[in-house]
Amino acid sequence: MNEPKAKNVAVLLFDNFETLDVFGPVEVLGYKNNLFDIKFYSLSGGVVINSHGIHILTEKLSDLYCGTDIFLIPGGAGTRTEINNSILIEEIKRISLLSNYVLTVCTGSGLLAKTGLLDNREATSNKRAFSWVKSISSKVIWNSKARWCKSDKFYTSSGVSAGIDMSFDFISDIYGNSVAEDIAKCIEYNRIYDKENDTFIADSAFT
């Protein structure tokens, strides 16, 4: 019996993306390379650098002319700049509309909210930047308590490490919980299963 074709994952990068926002989900989704084929993209292509000094060679977002199976949008300090990049926001909207699933981590939900695609949908974001993200759109049903949210093909997670738990939940939805559990054991990760309650809300400043 032939194995199912790996689903394509396009990871959006921009200067000063948050490291774990990207590599947490990439570790989970990429652990079994027969499940997902992961590539990195940026608006102009080429090398993207974040505040930790990580350099990643990317392809151009325009190459995703038919969208992708999974579009992953991270957060990080760079979102404060990119939120005003109208060309990038339009590309995010175009690709999101064409893609089967859209996953955001941390303040990446702010970039997606800017497109209008989260209007009237439940979503969450980094608790320490929640007020800023919420100010981007009043049409989103922002859930300040959730660790991650699901609304049809859109998955949004809270800050940084929450993207890992969201990714496990996404795998459970697509391939079944036994697959997600197996990956969690292999990478020695203790999953958080309750998406409705993010314990870090108690430490947040909502700034």
N, C-alpha and C. Protein backbone atom coordinates (compact mmCIF):
# COMPACT_ATOMS: atom_id res chain seq x y z
N MET A 1 0.85 -1.21 0.00
CA MET A 1 0.00 0.00 0.00
C MET A 1 0.88 1.25 0.00
N ASN A 2 0.60 2.18 -0.91
CA ASN A 2 1.38 3.39 -1.01
C ASN A 2 1.05 4.35 0.13
N GLU A 3 2.10 5.01 0.66
CA GLU A 3 1.88 6.00 1.70
C GLU A 3 1.26 7.26 1.09
N PRO A 4 0.43 7.97 1.86
CA PRO A 4 -0.15 9.21 1.34
C PRO A 4 0.94 10.23 1.07
N LYS A 5 0.71 11.06 0.08
CA LYS A 5 1.67 12.09 -0.27
C LYS A 5 1.81 13.09 0.87
N ALA A 6 3.05 13.48 1.16
CA ALA A 6 3.28 14.45 2.24
C ALA A 6 2.61 15.78 1.91
N LYS A 7 2.03 16.40 2.92
CA LYS A 7 1.38 17.69 2.73
C LYS A 7 2.42 18.80 2.77
N ASN A 8 2.25 19.78 1.90
CA ASN A 8 3.20 20.89 1.80
C ASN A 8 2.93 21.93 2.88
N VAL A 9 4.00 22.34 3.56
CA VAL A 9 3.92 23.39 4.56
C VAL A 9 4.79 24.56 4.11
N ALA A 10 4.19 25.73 3.99
CA ALA A 10 4.93 26.94 3.65
C ALA A 10 5.02 27.80 4.90
N VAL A 11 6.24 28.06 5.35
CA VAL A 11 6.46 28.86 6.55
C VAL A 11 6.86 30.27 6.14
N LEU A 12 6.07 31.24 6.55
CA LEU A 12 6.38 32.64 6.27
C LEU A 12 7.48 33.12 7.23
N LEU A 13 8.48 33.77 6.68
CA LEU A 13 9.53 34.39 7.50
C LEU A 13 9.65 35.87 7.15
N PHE A 14 10.07 36.64 8.13
CA PHE A 14 10.35 38.07 7.96
C PHE A 14 11.41 38.41 8.99
N ASP A 15 12.10 39.52 8.81
CA ASP A 15 13.15 39.90 9.75
C ASP A 15 12.59 39.96 11.17
N ASN A 16 13.36 39.41 12.10
CA ASN A 16 13.02 39.40 13.52
C ASN A 16 11.77 38.59 13.84
N PHE A 17 11.60 37.47 13.13
CA PHE A 17 10.59 36.49 13.53
C PHE A 17 11.06 35.84 14.83
N GLU A 18 10.12 35.32 15.61
CA GLU A 18 10.46 34.64 16.87
C GLU A 18 10.90 33.21 16.58
N THR A 19 12.05 32.83 17.11
CA THR A 19 12.67 31.55 16.77
C THR A 19 11.76 30.35 17.04
N LEU A 20 11.23 30.23 18.27
CA LEU A 20 10.44 29.06 18.62
C LEU A 20 9.07 29.07 17.94
N ASP A 21 8.59 30.26 17.58
CA ASP A 21 7.34 30.33 16.82
C ASP A 21 7.45 29.50 15.54
N VAL A 22 8.65 29.52 14.97
CA VAL A 22 8.91 28.79 13.72
C VAL A 22 9.35 27.36 14.00
N PHE A 23 10.38 27.22 14.80
CA PHE A 23 11.02 25.90 14.92
C PHE A 23 10.32 24.96 15.88
N GLY A 24 9.41 25.48 16.74
CA GLY A 24 8.57 24.58 17.52
C GLY A 24 7.65 23.78 16.60
N PRO A 25 6.80 24.47 15.83
CA PRO A 25 5.95 23.75 14.88
C PRO A 25 6.73 22.96 13.83
N VAL A 26 7.85 23.51 13.37
CA VAL A 26 8.65 22.79 12.36
C VAL A 26 9.17 21.47 12.91
N GLU A 27 9.59 21.46 14.18
CA GLU A 27 10.04 20.21 14.80
C GLU A 27 8.91 19.19 14.86
N VAL A 28 7.73 19.64 15.24
CA VAL A 28 6.59 18.74 15.37
C VAL A 28 6.12 18.25 14.00
N LEU A 29 5.90 19.17 13.09
CA LEU A 29 5.40 18.80 11.77
C LEU A 29 6.44 18.04 10.95
N GLY A 30 7.69 18.36 11.17
CA GLY A 30 8.74 17.76 10.35
C GLY A 30 9.37 16.52 10.91
N TYR A 31 8.94 16.08 12.11
CA TYR A 31 9.61 14.94 12.73
C TYR A 31 9.49 13.69 11.88
N LYS A 32 8.31 13.48 11.33
CA LYS A 32 8.13 12.36 10.40
C LYS A 32 8.05 12.95 9.00
N ASN A 33 9.15 12.84 8.26
CA ASN A 33 9.22 13.57 7.00
C ASN A 33 8.31 13.02 5.91
N ASN A 34 7.61 11.93 6.21
CA ASN A 34 6.65 11.43 5.23
C ASN A 34 5.29 12.10 5.36
N LEU A 35 5.11 12.90 6.41
CA LEU A 35 3.82 13.55 6.64
C LEU A 35 3.77 14.95 6.04
N PHE A 36 4.84 15.71 6.21
CA PHE A 36 4.86 17.10 5.77
C PHE A 36 6.17 17.43 5.07
N ASP A 37 6.07 18.22 4.02
CA ASP A 37 7.23 18.74 3.29
C ASP A 37 7.30 20.24 3.57
N ILE A 38 8.32 20.68 4.29
CA ILE A 38 8.39 22.04 4.81
C ILE A 38 9.37 22.90 4.02
N LYS A 39 8.90 24.09 3.63
CA LYS A 39 9.76 25.06 2.95
C LYS A 39 9.53 26.44 3.55
N PHE A 40 10.55 27.28 3.44
CA PHE A 40 10.51 28.62 4.02
C PHE A 40 10.38 29.68 2.93
N TYR A 41 9.54 30.68 3.21
CA TYR A 41 9.27 31.73 2.23
C TYR A 41 9.33 33.10 2.90
N SER A 42 9.66 34.11 2.09
CA SER A 42 9.59 35.50 2.53
C SER A 42 9.11 36.34 1.35
N LEU A 43 8.82 37.59 1.60
CA LEU A 43 8.25 38.42 0.55
C LEU A 43 9.17 38.52 -0.67
N SER A 44 10.45 38.75 -0.42
CA SER A 44 11.38 38.94 -1.53
C SER A 44 12.28 37.74 -1.78
N GLY A 45 12.18 36.72 -0.93
CA GLY A 45 13.10 35.59 -1.03
C GLY A 45 14.47 35.97 -0.46
N GLY A 46 15.41 35.04 -0.54
CA GLY A 46 16.75 35.31 -0.01
C GLY A 46 16.86 35.02 1.47
N VAL A 47 17.90 35.55 2.09
CA VAL A 47 18.19 35.26 3.49
C VAL A 47 17.39 36.18 4.41
N VAL A 48 16.76 35.56 5.40
CA VAL A 48 16.04 36.30 6.44
C VAL A 48 16.75 36.06 7.76
N ILE A 49 16.89 37.11 8.56
CA ILE A 49 17.63 37.04 9.82
C ILE A 49 16.74 37.48 10.97
N ASN A 50 16.84 36.75 12.09
CA ASN A 50 16.07 37.19 13.26
C ASN A 50 17.00 37.68 14.36
N SER A 51 16.42 38.08 15.49
CA SER A 51 17.20 38.71 16.56
C SER A 51 18.16 37.75 17.24
N HIS A 52 17.96 36.45 17.05
CA HIS A 52 18.88 35.46 17.60
C HIS A 52 20.03 35.16 16.64
N GLY A 53 20.05 35.86 15.54
CA GLY A 53 21.13 35.69 14.57
C GLY A 53 20.97 34.49 13.67
N ILE A 54 19.76 33.96 13.59
CA ILE A 54 19.50 32.81 12.72
C ILE A 54 19.28 33.30 11.30
N HIS A 55 20.03 32.73 10.37
CA HIS A 55 19.92 33.06 8.95
C HIS A 55 19.23 31.91 8.23
N ILE A 56 18.17 32.20 7.50
CA ILE A 56 17.47 31.15 6.75
C ILE A 56 17.27 31.61 5.31
N LEU A 57 17.65 30.75 4.38
CA LEU A 57 17.45 31.03 2.97
C LEU A 57 16.01 30.71 2.60
N THR A 58 15.32 31.66 2.01
CA THR A 58 13.90 31.50 1.71
C THR A 58 13.62 31.63 0.21
N GLU A 59 12.46 31.12 -0.17
CA GLU A 59 11.94 31.31 -1.51
C GLU A 59 10.94 32.46 -1.49
N LYS A 60 10.55 32.95 -2.66
CA LYS A 60 9.63 34.08 -2.73
C LYS A 60 8.19 33.63 -2.50
N LEU A 61 7.44 34.44 -1.77
CA LEU A 61 6.03 34.14 -1.55
C LEU A 61 5.26 34.05 -2.86
N SER A 62 5.69 34.82 -3.85
CA SER A 62 4.99 34.80 -5.13
C SER A 62 5.07 33.44 -5.81
N ASP A 63 6.02 32.59 -5.38
CA ASP A 63 6.11 31.24 -5.93
C ASP A 63 4.91 30.39 -5.52
N LEU A 64 4.23 30.81 -4.46
CA LEU A 64 3.05 30.07 -3.99
C LEU A 64 1.82 30.57 -4.74
N TYR A 65 1.85 30.48 -6.05
CA TYR A 65 0.77 31.03 -6.87
C TYR A 65 -0.51 30.22 -6.76
N CYS A 66 -0.41 28.99 -6.28
CA CYS A 66 -1.62 28.16 -6.08
C CYS A 66 -1.89 27.92 -4.60
N GLY A 67 -1.24 28.67 -3.72
CA GLY A 67 -1.39 28.41 -2.30
C GLY A 67 -0.62 27.18 -1.89
N THR A 68 -0.99 26.60 -0.76
CA THR A 68 -0.29 25.44 -0.24
C THR A 68 -1.25 24.65 0.65
N ASP A 69 -0.81 23.50 1.12
CA ASP A 69 -1.66 22.74 2.03
C ASP A 69 -1.77 23.45 3.38
N ILE A 70 -0.61 23.82 3.94
CA ILE A 70 -0.58 24.48 5.25
C ILE A 70 0.30 25.72 5.17
N PHE A 71 -0.24 26.84 5.57
CA PHE A 71 0.49 28.11 5.59
C PHE A 71 0.70 28.49 7.04
N LEU A 72 1.96 28.58 7.47
CA LEU A 72 2.30 28.88 8.86
C LEU A 72 2.84 30.30 8.97
N ILE A 73 2.21 31.09 9.85
CA ILE A 73 2.60 32.48 10.05
C ILE A 73 3.07 32.67 11.49
N PRO A 74 4.36 32.89 11.71
CA PRO A 74 4.86 33.09 13.08
C PRO A 74 4.68 34.53 13.53
N GLY A 75 5.05 34.77 14.78
CA GLY A 75 5.05 36.12 15.31
C GLY A 75 6.47 36.56 15.62
N GLY A 76 6.56 37.47 16.55
CA GLY A 76 7.87 38.00 16.92
C GLY A 76 7.89 39.51 16.81
N ALA A 77 9.00 40.11 17.22
CA ALA A 77 9.11 41.57 17.19
C ALA A 77 8.91 42.13 15.80
N GLY A 78 9.25 41.35 14.79
CA GLY A 78 9.12 41.82 13.41
C GLY A 78 7.70 42.11 12.99
N THR A 79 6.72 41.53 13.67
CA THR A 79 5.33 41.79 13.29
C THR A 79 4.95 43.24 13.52
N ARG A 80 5.62 43.91 14.43
CA ARG A 80 5.31 45.32 14.71
C ARG A 80 5.64 46.20 13.51
N THR A 81 6.61 45.75 12.72
CA THR A 81 6.95 46.45 11.49
C THR A 81 6.11 45.96 10.32
N GLU A 82 5.99 44.65 10.22
CA GLU A 82 5.31 44.05 9.06
C GLU A 82 3.82 44.32 9.04
N ILE A 83 3.23 44.68 10.17
CA ILE A 83 1.80 44.98 10.20
C ILE A 83 1.48 46.16 9.29
N ASN A 84 2.48 47.00 9.01
CA ASN A 84 2.30 48.16 8.14
C ASN A 84 2.81 47.92 6.72
N ASN A 85 3.20 46.70 6.44
CA ASN A 85 3.70 46.33 5.11
C ASN A 85 2.51 45.83 4.28
N SER A 86 1.89 46.75 3.56
CA SER A 86 0.66 46.41 2.84
C SER A 86 0.87 45.34 1.77
N ILE A 87 2.04 45.29 1.18
CA ILE A 87 2.32 44.29 0.15
C ILE A 87 2.36 42.90 0.79
N LEU A 88 3.02 42.79 1.94
CA LEU A 88 3.08 41.51 2.64
C LEU A 88 1.69 41.09 3.10
N ILE A 89 0.92 42.01 3.64
CA ILE A 89 -0.43 41.68 4.12
C ILE A 89 -1.28 41.16 2.97
N GLU A 90 -1.17 41.77 1.80
CA GLU A 90 -1.93 41.29 0.65
C GLU A 90 -1.48 39.90 0.22
N GLU A 91 -0.20 39.62 0.31
CA GLU A 91 0.31 38.29 -0.02
C GLU A 91 -0.18 37.25 0.99
N ILE A 92 -0.20 37.63 2.26
CA ILE A 92 -0.72 36.74 3.29
C ILE A 92 -2.19 36.42 3.00
N LYS A 93 -2.95 37.43 2.63
CA LYS A 93 -4.36 37.21 2.34
C LYS A 93 -4.54 36.30 1.13
N ARG A 94 -3.78 36.57 0.08
CA ARG A 94 -3.89 35.78 -1.15
C ARG A 94 -3.58 34.32 -0.89
N ILE A 95 -2.46 34.07 -0.23
CA ILE A 95 -2.02 32.69 0.02
C ILE A 95 -2.97 31.99 0.99
N SER A 96 -3.43 32.72 2.00
CA SER A 96 -4.35 32.13 2.98
C SER A 96 -5.65 31.69 2.33
N LEU A 97 -6.15 32.51 1.42
CA LEU A 97 -7.39 32.15 0.72
C LEU A 97 -7.22 30.90 -0.13
N LEU A 98 -6.04 30.72 -0.69
CA LEU A 98 -5.78 29.59 -1.59
C LEU A 98 -5.34 28.32 -0.85
N SER A 99 -4.98 28.45 0.42
CA SER A 99 -4.42 27.32 1.15
C SER A 99 -5.50 26.54 1.91
N ASN A 100 -5.21 25.28 2.18
CA ASN A 100 -6.17 24.42 2.87
C ASN A 100 -6.28 24.74 4.36
N TYR A 101 -5.14 25.07 4.96
CA TYR A 101 -5.10 25.41 6.38
C TYR A 101 -4.15 26.57 6.59
N VAL A 102 -4.48 27.41 7.59
CA VAL A 102 -3.62 28.52 7.97
C VAL A 102 -3.39 28.45 9.47
N LEU A 103 -2.13 28.39 9.88
CA LEU A 103 -1.76 28.31 11.29
C LEU A 103 -0.95 29.54 11.65
N THR A 104 -1.30 30.17 12.77
CA THR A 104 -0.50 31.30 13.24
C THR A 104 0.00 31.03 14.65
N VAL A 105 1.15 31.59 14.96
CA VAL A 105 1.72 31.48 16.30
C VAL A 105 1.97 32.89 16.82
N CYS A 106 1.63 33.10 18.08
CA CYS A 106 1.96 34.36 18.74
C CYS A 106 1.31 35.54 17.99
N THR A 107 2.04 36.61 17.77
CA THR A 107 1.49 37.79 17.12
C THR A 107 1.32 37.62 15.62
N GLY A 108 1.60 36.43 15.12
CA GLY A 108 1.30 36.14 13.73
C GLY A 108 -0.19 36.26 13.45
N SER A 109 -1.01 36.05 14.49
CA SER A 109 -2.46 36.21 14.31
C SER A 109 -2.82 37.66 14.02
N GLY A 110 -1.97 38.59 14.45
CA GLY A 110 -2.20 39.99 14.14
C GLY A 110 -2.06 40.26 12.65
N LEU A 111 -1.05 39.64 12.03
CA LEU A 111 -0.87 39.80 10.59
C LEU A 111 -2.05 39.23 9.83
N LEU A 112 -2.53 38.07 10.28
CA LEU A 112 -3.68 37.46 9.62
C LEU A 112 -4.94 38.29 9.86
N ALA A 113 -5.09 38.83 11.06
CA ALA A 113 -6.25 39.66 11.37
C ALA A 113 -6.30 40.90 10.48
N LYS A 114 -5.13 41.43 10.15
CA LYS A 114 -5.05 42.62 9.31
C LYS A 114 -5.65 42.37 7.93
N THR A 115 -5.64 41.12 7.46
CA THR A 115 -6.19 40.78 6.15
C THR A 115 -7.71 40.76 6.14
N GLY A 116 -8.32 40.69 7.31
CA GLY A 116 -9.77 40.58 7.41
C GLY A 116 -10.27 39.14 7.42
N LEU A 117 -9.38 38.18 7.24
CA LEU A 117 -9.81 36.79 7.16
C LEU A 117 -10.21 36.19 8.51
N LEU A 118 -9.87 36.89 9.59
CA LEU A 118 -10.29 36.42 10.91
C LEU A 118 -11.54 37.13 11.41
N ASP A 119 -12.11 37.99 10.58
CA ASP A 119 -13.33 38.69 10.99
C ASP A 119 -14.42 37.69 11.39
N ASN A 120 -15.03 37.95 12.53
CA ASN A 120 -16.11 37.11 13.06
C ASN A 120 -15.67 35.69 13.39
N ARG A 121 -14.38 35.50 13.57
CA ARG A 121 -13.84 34.20 13.96
C ARG A 121 -13.16 34.32 15.32
N GLU A 122 -13.18 33.24 16.08
CA GLU A 122 -12.47 33.22 17.36
C GLU A 122 -10.98 33.03 17.10
N ALA A 123 -10.16 33.80 17.80
CA ALA A 123 -8.72 33.71 17.62
C ALA A 123 -8.04 34.15 18.91
N THR A 124 -6.76 33.80 19.02
CA THR A 124 -6.00 34.22 20.20
C THR A 124 -4.61 34.65 19.76
N SER A 125 -3.80 35.06 20.74
CA SER A 125 -2.46 35.52 20.44
C SER A 125 -1.63 35.53 21.72
N ASN A 126 -0.41 36.02 21.61
CA ASN A 126 0.49 36.12 22.75
C ASN A 126 -0.13 36.99 23.83
N LYS A 127 -0.19 36.46 25.04
CA LYS A 127 -0.85 37.19 26.12
C LYS A 127 -0.11 38.47 26.50
N ARG A 128 1.19 38.50 26.29
CA ARG A 128 1.96 39.69 26.64
C ARG A 128 1.85 40.78 25.57
N ALA A 129 1.28 40.45 24.46
CA ALA A 129 1.09 41.44 23.39
C ALA A 129 -0.38 41.49 22.98
N PHE A 130 -1.25 41.00 23.85
CA PHE A 130 -2.64 40.82 23.47
C PHE A 130 -3.35 42.14 23.15
N SER A 131 -3.07 43.16 23.93
CA SER A 131 -3.73 44.44 23.70
C SER A 131 -3.36 45.01 22.33
N TRP A 132 -2.09 44.86 21.96
CA TRP A 132 -1.65 45.35 20.66
C TRP A 132 -2.31 44.58 19.53
N VAL A 133 -2.31 43.26 19.63
CA VAL A 133 -2.93 42.44 18.58
C VAL A 133 -4.42 42.74 18.49
N LYS A 134 -5.07 42.85 19.63
CA LYS A 134 -6.51 43.12 19.65
C LYS A 134 -6.83 44.45 18.98
N SER A 135 -5.92 45.42 19.09
CA SER A 135 -6.15 46.74 18.50
C SER A 135 -6.11 46.71 16.97
N ILE A 136 -5.57 45.66 16.39
CA ILE A 136 -5.47 45.56 14.94
C ILE A 136 -6.83 45.38 14.29
N SER A 137 -7.71 44.65 14.96
CA SER A 137 -9.05 44.44 14.42
C SER A 137 -10.06 44.19 15.53
N SER A 138 -11.10 44.98 15.53
CA SER A 138 -12.19 44.80 16.49
C SER A 138 -13.22 43.81 15.98
N LYS A 139 -13.04 43.33 14.76
CA LYS A 139 -14.01 42.40 14.17
C LYS A 139 -13.70 40.94 14.50
N VAL A 140 -12.51 40.70 15.04
CA VAL A 140 -12.12 39.35 15.44
C VAL A 140 -12.69 39.07 16.83
N ILE A 141 -13.11 37.84 17.06
CA ILE A 141 -13.59 37.43 18.39
C ILE A 141 -12.37 36.96 19.17
N TRP A 142 -11.69 37.89 19.80
CA TRP A 142 -10.43 37.58 20.48
C TRP A 142 -10.69 36.85 21.80
N ASN A 143 -10.06 35.71 21.96
CA ASN A 143 -10.19 34.90 23.18
C ASN A 143 -8.91 35.06 23.98
N SER A 144 -8.99 35.80 25.06
CA SER A 144 -7.79 36.11 25.84
C SER A 144 -7.34 34.95 26.73
N LYS A 145 -8.19 33.96 26.92
CA LYS A 145 -7.85 32.85 27.81
C LYS A 145 -7.30 31.62 27.09
N ALA A 146 -7.58 31.51 25.81
CA ALA A 146 -7.23 30.27 25.08
C ALA A 146 -5.74 30.14 24.83
N ARG A 147 -5.27 28.89 24.86
CA ARG A 147 -3.90 28.62 24.45
C ARG A 147 -3.83 28.53 22.92
N TRP A 148 -4.86 27.97 22.33
CA TRP A 148 -5.01 28.04 20.88
C TRP A 148 -6.49 27.95 20.54
N CYS A 149 -6.83 28.41 19.34
CA CYS A 149 -8.21 28.41 18.86
C CYS A 149 -8.27 27.77 17.48
N LYS A 150 -9.42 27.20 17.18
CA LYS A 150 -9.67 26.64 15.85
C LYS A 150 -10.98 27.22 15.31
N SER A 151 -10.94 27.67 14.07
CA SER A 151 -12.13 28.16 13.40
C SER A 151 -12.04 27.75 11.93
N ASP A 152 -12.72 26.66 11.61
CA ASP A 152 -12.63 26.08 10.27
C ASP A 152 -11.16 25.78 9.93
N LYS A 153 -10.63 26.38 8.90
CA LYS A 153 -9.26 26.05 8.48
C LYS A 153 -8.21 26.91 9.18
N PHE A 154 -8.65 27.80 10.06
CA PHE A 154 -7.73 28.71 10.74
C PHE A 154 -7.43 28.24 12.17
N TYR A 155 -6.15 28.11 12.47
CA TYR A 155 -5.68 27.77 13.81
C TYR A 155 -4.80 28.93 14.28
N THR A 156 -5.08 29.47 15.46
CA THR A 156 -4.26 30.54 16.02
C THR A 156 -3.82 30.13 17.42
N SER A 157 -2.58 30.43 17.76
CA SER A 157 -2.10 30.03 19.08
C SER A 157 -1.59 31.24 19.86
N SER A 158 -1.45 31.04 21.14
CA SER A 158 -0.90 32.04 22.03
C SER A 158 0.61 32.15 21.79
N GLY A 159 1.34 32.63 22.79
CA GLY A 159 2.74 32.96 22.57
C GLY A 159 3.71 31.80 22.48
N VAL A 160 4.60 31.88 21.54
CA VAL A 160 5.83 31.12 21.40
C VAL A 160 5.62 29.61 21.54
N SER A 161 5.75 29.05 22.74
CA SER A 161 5.66 27.59 22.92
C SER A 161 4.27 27.05 22.64
N ALA A 162 3.26 27.91 22.69
CA ALA A 162 1.88 27.46 22.42
C ALA A 162 1.73 26.92 21.01
N GLY A 163 2.59 27.38 20.11
CA GLY A 163 2.54 26.88 18.75
C GLY A 163 2.84 25.40 18.65
N ILE A 164 3.61 24.89 19.60
CA ILE A 164 3.91 23.45 19.63
C ILE A 164 2.65 22.66 19.95
N ASP A 165 1.93 23.09 20.97
CA ASP A 165 0.69 22.39 21.35
C ASP A 165 -0.35 22.49 20.24
N MET A 166 -0.45 23.65 19.61
CA MET A 166 -1.36 23.80 18.49
C MET A 166 -1.00 22.85 17.36
N SER A 167 0.29 22.69 17.10
CA SER A 167 0.73 21.82 16.01
C SER A 167 0.38 20.36 16.29
N PHE A 168 0.51 19.94 17.55
CA PHE A 168 0.10 18.58 17.90
C PHE A 168 -1.40 18.39 17.69
N ASP A 169 -2.18 19.40 18.07
CA ASP A 169 -3.62 19.32 17.89
C ASP A 169 -3.97 19.27 16.41
N PHE A 170 -3.25 20.04 15.62
CA PHE A 170 -3.47 20.03 14.18
C PHE A 170 -3.17 18.65 13.59
N ILE A 171 -2.08 18.04 14.00
CA ILE A 171 -1.75 16.70 13.53
C ILE A 171 -2.82 15.71 13.94
N SER A 172 -3.33 15.86 15.16
CA SER A 172 -4.41 14.98 15.63
C SER A 172 -5.63 15.09 14.73
N ASP A 173 -5.93 16.31 14.31
CA ASP A 173 -7.08 16.53 13.45
C ASP A 173 -6.88 15.93 12.06
N ILE A 174 -5.65 15.97 11.57
CA ILE A 174 -5.37 15.54 10.20
C ILE A 174 -5.04 14.05 10.12
N TYR A 175 -4.22 13.57 11.04
CA TYR A 175 -3.72 12.19 10.96
C TYR A 175 -4.16 11.30 12.12
N GLY A 176 -4.81 11.86 13.12
CA GLY A 176 -5.24 11.09 14.26
C GLY A 176 -4.34 11.30 15.47
N ASN A 177 -4.93 11.16 16.66
CA ASN A 177 -4.19 11.46 17.88
C ASN A 177 -3.04 10.49 18.12
N SER A 178 -3.15 9.26 17.65
CA SER A 178 -2.07 8.28 17.88
C SER A 178 -0.78 8.74 17.20
N VAL A 179 -0.90 9.38 16.05
CA VAL A 179 0.28 9.91 15.36
C VAL A 179 0.89 11.05 16.16
N ALA A 180 0.04 11.95 16.64
CA ALA A 180 0.53 13.07 17.44
C ALA A 180 1.19 12.58 18.73
N GLU A 181 0.60 11.58 19.38
CA GLU A 181 1.16 11.04 20.61
C GLU A 181 2.52 10.40 20.36
N ASP A 182 2.64 9.72 19.25
CA ASP A 182 3.91 9.07 18.92
C ASP A 182 5.02 10.10 18.72
N ILE A 183 4.70 11.18 18.02
CA ILE A 183 5.70 12.24 17.81
C ILE A 183 6.07 12.89 19.14
N ALA A 184 5.08 13.15 19.99
CA ALA A 184 5.34 13.76 21.30
C ALA A 184 6.29 12.90 22.12
N LYS A 185 6.10 11.60 22.09
CA LYS A 185 6.98 10.69 22.84
C LYS A 185 8.38 10.71 22.26
N CYS A 186 8.47 10.73 20.95
CA CYS A 186 9.78 10.70 20.29
C CYS A 186 10.60 11.95 20.58
N ILE A 187 9.94 13.10 20.69
CA ILE A 187 10.69 14.33 20.98
C ILE A 187 10.68 14.66 22.47
N GLU A 188 10.13 13.74 23.27
CA GLU A 188 10.08 13.88 24.73
C GLU A 188 9.42 15.19 25.16
N TYR A 189 8.19 15.37 24.65
CA TYR A 189 7.44 16.59 24.94
C TYR A 189 6.14 16.24 25.66
N ASN A 190 5.87 16.95 26.76
CA ASN A 190 4.63 16.78 27.50
C ASN A 190 3.59 17.76 26.96
N ARG A 191 2.64 17.23 26.24
CA ARG A 191 1.64 18.06 25.58
C ARG A 191 0.69 18.72 26.57
N ILE A 192 0.21 19.88 26.20
CA ILE A 192 -0.92 20.52 26.86
C ILE A 192 -2.14 20.27 25.97
N TYR A 193 -3.17 19.66 26.54
CA TYR A 193 -4.33 19.26 25.76
C TYR A 193 -5.48 20.25 25.82
N ASP A 194 -5.50 21.08 26.86
CA ASP A 194 -6.62 21.99 27.07
C ASP A 194 -6.36 23.30 26.32
N LYS A 195 -6.98 23.46 25.19
CA LYS A 195 -6.77 24.66 24.39
C LYS A 195 -7.50 25.87 24.96
N GLU A 196 -8.44 25.64 25.86
CA GLU A 196 -9.27 26.73 26.35
C GLU A 196 -8.62 27.54 27.47
N ASN A 197 -7.57 26.99 28.09
CA ASN A 197 -6.98 27.67 29.24
C ASN A 197 -5.47 27.75 29.12
N ASP A 198 -4.98 28.96 28.96
CA ASP A 198 -3.53 29.19 28.89
C ASP A 198 -3.07 29.66 30.27
N THR A 199 -2.26 28.85 30.93
CA THR A 199 -1.83 29.18 32.29
C THR A 199 -0.99 30.45 32.34
N PHE A 200 -0.42 30.86 31.21
CA PHE A 200 0.43 32.04 31.20
C PHE A 200 -0.35 33.34 31.24
N ILE A 201 -1.66 33.24 31.18
CA ILE A 201 -2.46 34.46 31.25
C ILE A 201 -2.27 35.15 32.60
N ALA A 202 -1.97 34.38 33.64
CA ALA A 202 -1.79 34.95 34.98
C ALA A 202 -0.55 35.83 35.06
N ASP A 203 0.43 35.55 34.20
CA ASP A 203 1.69 36.32 34.22
C ASP A 203 1.74 37.42 33.18
N SER A 204 0.68 37.56 32.40
CA SER A 204 0.72 38.50 31.30
C SER A 204 0.44 39.92 31.76
N ALA A 205 0.99 40.84 30.98
CA ALA A 205 0.77 42.24 31.28
C ALA A 205 -0.28 42.85 30.34
N PHE A 206 -0.69 42.08 29.34
CA PHE A 206 -1.64 42.55 28.33
C PHE A 206 -1.21 43.90 27.75
N THR A 207 0.04 43.94 27.30
CA THR A 207 0.59 45.19 26.73
C THR A 207 0.84 45.02 25.26
